């Protein structure tokens, strides 16, 4: 489910602020510290997120065919079709 246009209007300022804060931290000399201390946590988070998205994709692929078949059978029996 994608966010609506009104939900996305604040993303650009948020992204710019995050980029500015990251750049300031790197210029302040925290680049090495961030790599040593924050990178492992970020790596773990991204691995978990990728695993969850992959499991969700597998579940959607497995359920796609049965749901389409049930939809067609119910549509044919009732004569109604929802698109």
N, C-alpha and C. Protein backbone atom coordinates (compact mmCIF):
# COMPACT_ATOMS: atom_id res chain seq x y z
N UNK A 1 0.85 -1.16 0.00
CA UNK A 1 0.00 0.00 0.00
C UNK A 1 0.90 1.23 0.00
N UNK A 2 0.71 2.07 -0.97
CA UNK A 2 1.54 3.26 -1.10
C UNK A 2 0.89 4.45 -0.39
N UNK A 3 1.71 5.31 0.23
CA UNK A 3 1.16 6.50 0.87
C UNK A 3 0.61 7.47 -0.18
N UNK A 4 -0.38 8.23 0.21
CA UNK A 4 -0.98 9.18 -0.71
C UNK A 4 -0.06 10.39 -0.90
N UNK A 5 -0.40 11.22 -1.87
CA UNK A 5 0.40 12.41 -2.15
C UNK A 5 0.47 13.33 -0.94
N UNK A 6 -0.64 13.47 -0.23
CA UNK A 6 -0.63 14.34 0.95
C UNK A 6 0.25 13.76 2.07
N UNK A 7 0.40 12.45 2.11
CA UNK A 7 1.28 11.83 3.10
C UNK A 7 2.75 12.01 2.73
N UNK A 8 3.03 12.09 1.43
CA UNK A 8 4.42 12.16 0.97
C UNK A 8 4.97 13.58 0.90
N UNK A 9 4.15 14.60 1.09
CA UNK A 9 4.63 15.97 0.90
C UNK A 9 5.71 16.36 1.90
N UNK A 10 5.77 15.72 3.05
CA UNK A 10 6.78 16.06 4.07
C UNK A 10 8.05 15.23 3.93
N UNK A 11 8.11 14.32 2.99
CA UNK A 11 9.28 13.46 2.86
C UNK A 11 10.52 14.22 2.40
N UNK A 12 10.37 15.15 1.48
CA UNK A 12 11.53 15.89 0.97
C UNK A 12 12.21 16.69 2.09
N UNK A 13 11.49 17.50 2.86
CA UNK A 13 12.17 18.20 3.95
C UNK A 13 12.80 17.25 4.97
N UNK A 14 12.12 16.16 5.28
CA UNK A 14 12.67 15.18 6.22
C UNK A 14 13.96 14.57 5.68
N UNK A 15 13.96 14.20 4.42
CA UNK A 15 15.17 13.65 3.80
C UNK A 15 16.31 14.64 3.76
N UNK A 16 16.00 15.90 3.47
CA UNK A 16 17.04 16.92 3.45
C UNK A 16 17.63 17.15 4.84
N UNK A 17 16.77 17.21 5.86
CA UNK A 17 17.27 17.38 7.22
C UNK A 17 18.13 16.20 7.64
N UNK A 18 17.70 14.99 7.31
CA UNK A 18 18.49 13.80 7.65
C UNK A 18 19.84 13.84 6.96
N UNK A 19 19.88 14.24 5.68
CA UNK A 19 21.13 14.32 4.93
C UNK A 19 22.05 15.38 5.53
N UNK A 20 21.49 16.52 5.92
CA UNK A 20 22.29 17.59 6.51
C UNK A 20 22.87 17.12 7.85
N UNK A 21 22.06 16.48 8.68
CA UNK A 21 22.56 16.00 9.97
C UNK A 21 23.64 14.93 9.79
N UNK A 22 23.46 14.05 8.84
CA UNK A 22 24.47 13.03 8.57
C UNK A 22 25.76 13.66 8.08
N UNK A 23 25.65 14.64 7.18
CA UNK A 23 26.84 15.32 6.67
C UNK A 23 27.57 16.05 7.80
N UNK A 24 26.81 16.72 8.67
CA UNK A 24 27.44 17.41 9.81
C UNK A 24 28.16 16.43 10.73
N UNK A 25 27.55 15.28 10.98
CA UNK A 25 28.19 14.28 11.83
C UNK A 25 29.47 13.76 11.20
N UNK A 26 29.46 13.54 9.90
CA UNK A 26 30.66 13.03 9.22
C UNK A 26 31.75 14.10 9.21
N UNK A 27 31.37 15.36 8.92
CA UNK A 27 32.37 16.43 8.93
C UNK A 27 32.90 16.71 10.33
N UNK A 28 32.13 16.40 11.36
CA UNK A 28 32.59 16.60 12.73
C UNK A 28 33.54 15.49 13.17
N UNK A 29 33.72 14.48 12.35
CA UNK A 29 34.68 13.43 12.66
C UNK A 29 34.05 12.17 13.22
N UNK A 30 32.73 12.05 13.12
CA UNK A 30 32.06 10.88 13.68
C UNK A 30 31.91 9.75 12.66
N UNK A 31 32.50 9.90 11.49
CA UNK A 31 32.36 8.88 10.45
C UNK A 31 32.88 7.52 10.87
N UNK A 32 34.08 7.49 11.43
CA UNK A 32 34.67 6.23 11.87
C UNK A 32 33.89 5.65 13.04
N UNK A 33 33.48 6.51 13.98
CA UNK A 33 32.69 6.04 15.12
C UNK A 33 31.37 5.46 14.67
N UNK A 34 30.73 6.13 13.69
CA UNK A 34 29.45 5.62 13.19
C UNK A 34 29.63 4.27 12.51
N UNK A 35 30.71 4.10 11.75
CA UNK A 35 30.95 2.81 11.10
C UNK A 35 31.16 1.71 12.12
N UNK A 36 31.84 2.01 13.20
CA UNK A 36 32.13 0.98 14.20
C UNK A 36 30.92 0.67 15.08
N UNK A 37 30.12 1.69 15.41
CA UNK A 37 29.05 1.51 16.40
C UNK A 37 27.65 1.43 15.81
N UNK A 38 27.38 2.17 14.75
CA UNK A 38 26.03 2.20 14.20
C UNK A 38 25.83 1.25 13.03
N UNK A 39 26.89 1.01 12.28
CA UNK A 39 26.77 0.15 11.10
C UNK A 39 26.29 -1.26 11.42
N UNK A 40 26.77 -1.91 12.49
CA UNK A 40 26.26 -3.26 12.79
C UNK A 40 24.76 -3.27 13.09
N UNK A 41 24.28 -2.27 13.83
CA UNK A 41 22.85 -2.21 14.13
C UNK A 41 22.03 -1.94 12.87
N UNK A 42 22.52 -1.04 12.02
CA UNK A 42 21.83 -0.74 10.76
C UNK A 42 21.84 -1.98 9.86
N UNK A 43 22.95 -2.69 9.82
CA UNK A 43 23.03 -3.91 9.02
C UNK A 43 22.04 -4.95 9.51
N UNK A 44 21.95 -5.15 10.82
CA UNK A 44 20.97 -6.10 11.37
C UNK A 44 19.56 -5.69 11.05
N UNK A 45 19.25 -4.40 11.19
CA UNK A 45 17.91 -3.91 10.89
C UNK A 45 17.55 -4.15 9.42
N UNK A 46 18.48 -3.84 8.53
CA UNK A 46 18.21 -4.02 7.11
C UNK A 46 18.08 -5.51 6.75
N UNK A 47 18.84 -6.37 7.40
CA UNK A 47 18.70 -7.81 7.17
C UNK A 47 17.33 -8.30 7.61
N UNK A 48 16.87 -7.84 8.77
CA UNK A 48 15.54 -8.23 9.25
C UNK A 48 14.46 -7.70 8.32
N UNK A 49 14.59 -6.44 7.89
CA UNK A 49 13.60 -5.86 6.99
C UNK A 49 13.55 -6.63 5.66
N UNK A 50 14.70 -6.99 5.12
CA UNK A 50 14.75 -7.75 3.87
C UNK A 50 14.12 -9.12 4.04
N UNK A 51 14.36 -9.75 5.19
CA UNK A 51 13.76 -11.06 5.46
C UNK A 51 12.24 -10.95 5.54
N UNK A 52 11.76 -9.94 6.24
CA UNK A 52 10.31 -9.77 6.35
C UNK A 52 9.66 -9.49 5.00
N UNK A 53 10.29 -8.62 4.21
CA UNK A 53 9.74 -8.34 2.87
C UNK A 53 9.77 -9.59 2.00
N UNK A 54 10.83 -10.39 2.12
CA UNK A 54 10.91 -11.63 1.35
C UNK A 54 9.84 -12.63 1.75
N UNK A 55 9.62 -12.79 3.07
CA UNK A 55 8.57 -13.69 3.54
C UNK A 55 7.19 -13.20 3.09
N UNK A 56 6.99 -11.90 3.14
CA UNK A 56 5.71 -11.35 2.68
C UNK A 56 5.51 -11.62 1.18
N UNK A 57 6.56 -11.47 0.40
CA UNK A 57 6.47 -11.75 -1.04
C UNK A 57 6.14 -13.21 -1.30
N UNK A 58 6.80 -14.11 -0.59
CA UNK A 58 6.52 -15.54 -0.75
C UNK A 58 5.07 -15.85 -0.40
N UNK A 59 4.58 -15.28 0.70
CA UNK A 59 3.19 -15.50 1.10
C UNK A 59 2.22 -14.97 0.05
N UNK A 60 2.49 -13.80 -0.50
CA UNK A 60 1.62 -13.24 -1.53
C UNK A 60 1.62 -14.11 -2.80
N UNK A 61 2.78 -14.59 -3.18
CA UNK A 61 2.86 -15.44 -4.37
C UNK A 61 2.10 -16.74 -4.16
N UNK A 62 2.24 -17.35 -2.97
CA UNK A 62 1.57 -18.61 -2.67
C UNK A 62 0.05 -18.42 -2.66
N UNK A 63 -0.43 -17.30 -2.13
CA UNK A 63 -1.87 -17.09 -2.00
C UNK A 63 -2.52 -16.49 -3.25
N UNK A 64 -1.73 -16.01 -4.19
CA UNK A 64 -2.29 -15.35 -5.36
C UNK A 64 -3.19 -16.28 -6.18
N UNK A 65 -2.71 -17.43 -6.54
CA UNK A 65 -3.48 -18.34 -7.38
C UNK A 65 -4.78 -18.80 -6.72
N UNK A 66 -4.76 -19.26 -5.46
CA UNK A 66 -6.03 -19.67 -4.85
C UNK A 66 -7.04 -18.52 -4.75
N UNK A 67 -6.59 -17.32 -4.46
CA UNK A 67 -7.52 -16.20 -4.34
C UNK A 67 -8.11 -15.86 -5.70
N UNK A 68 -7.30 -15.89 -6.75
CA UNK A 68 -7.82 -15.61 -8.10
C UNK A 68 -8.84 -16.68 -8.50
N UNK A 69 -8.54 -17.94 -8.20
CA UNK A 69 -9.48 -19.01 -8.54
C UNK A 69 -10.80 -18.87 -7.78
N UNK A 70 -10.73 -18.58 -6.48
CA UNK A 70 -11.95 -18.39 -5.70
C UNK A 70 -12.74 -17.21 -6.23
N UNK A 71 -12.07 -16.13 -6.59
CA UNK A 71 -12.75 -14.95 -7.14
C UNK A 71 -13.48 -15.30 -8.43
N UNK A 72 -12.82 -16.02 -9.32
CA UNK A 72 -13.47 -16.39 -10.58
C UNK A 72 -14.64 -17.33 -10.37
N UNK A 73 -14.51 -18.28 -9.45
CA UNK A 73 -15.61 -19.22 -9.18
C UNK A 73 -16.80 -18.48 -8.59
N UNK A 74 -16.56 -17.63 -7.60
CA UNK A 74 -17.66 -16.87 -6.98
C UNK A 74 -18.28 -15.92 -7.99
N UNK A 75 -17.48 -15.29 -8.83
CA UNK A 75 -18.02 -14.39 -9.86
C UNK A 75 -18.90 -15.14 -10.86
N UNK A 76 -18.46 -16.32 -11.23
CA UNK A 76 -19.22 -17.11 -12.19
C UNK A 76 -20.53 -17.60 -11.58
N UNK A 77 -20.49 -18.00 -10.30
CA UNK A 77 -21.70 -18.50 -9.63
C UNK A 77 -22.71 -17.38 -9.40
N UNK A 78 -22.24 -16.24 -8.91
CA UNK A 78 -23.16 -15.16 -8.57
C UNK A 78 -23.47 -14.25 -9.74
N UNK A 79 -22.66 -14.23 -10.76
CA UNK A 79 -22.86 -13.34 -11.90
C UNK A 79 -22.39 -11.92 -11.60
N UNK A 80 -21.77 -11.70 -10.45
CA UNK A 80 -21.25 -10.39 -10.07
C UNK A 80 -19.74 -10.41 -10.11
N UNK A 81 -19.15 -9.30 -10.54
CA UNK A 81 -17.71 -9.23 -10.61
C UNK A 81 -17.25 -7.91 -10.01
N UNK A 82 -16.32 -8.01 -9.09
CA UNK A 82 -15.74 -6.81 -8.48
C UNK A 82 -14.37 -6.62 -9.05
N UNK A 83 -14.13 -5.45 -9.63
CA UNK A 83 -12.82 -5.18 -10.24
C UNK A 83 -12.15 -4.06 -9.55
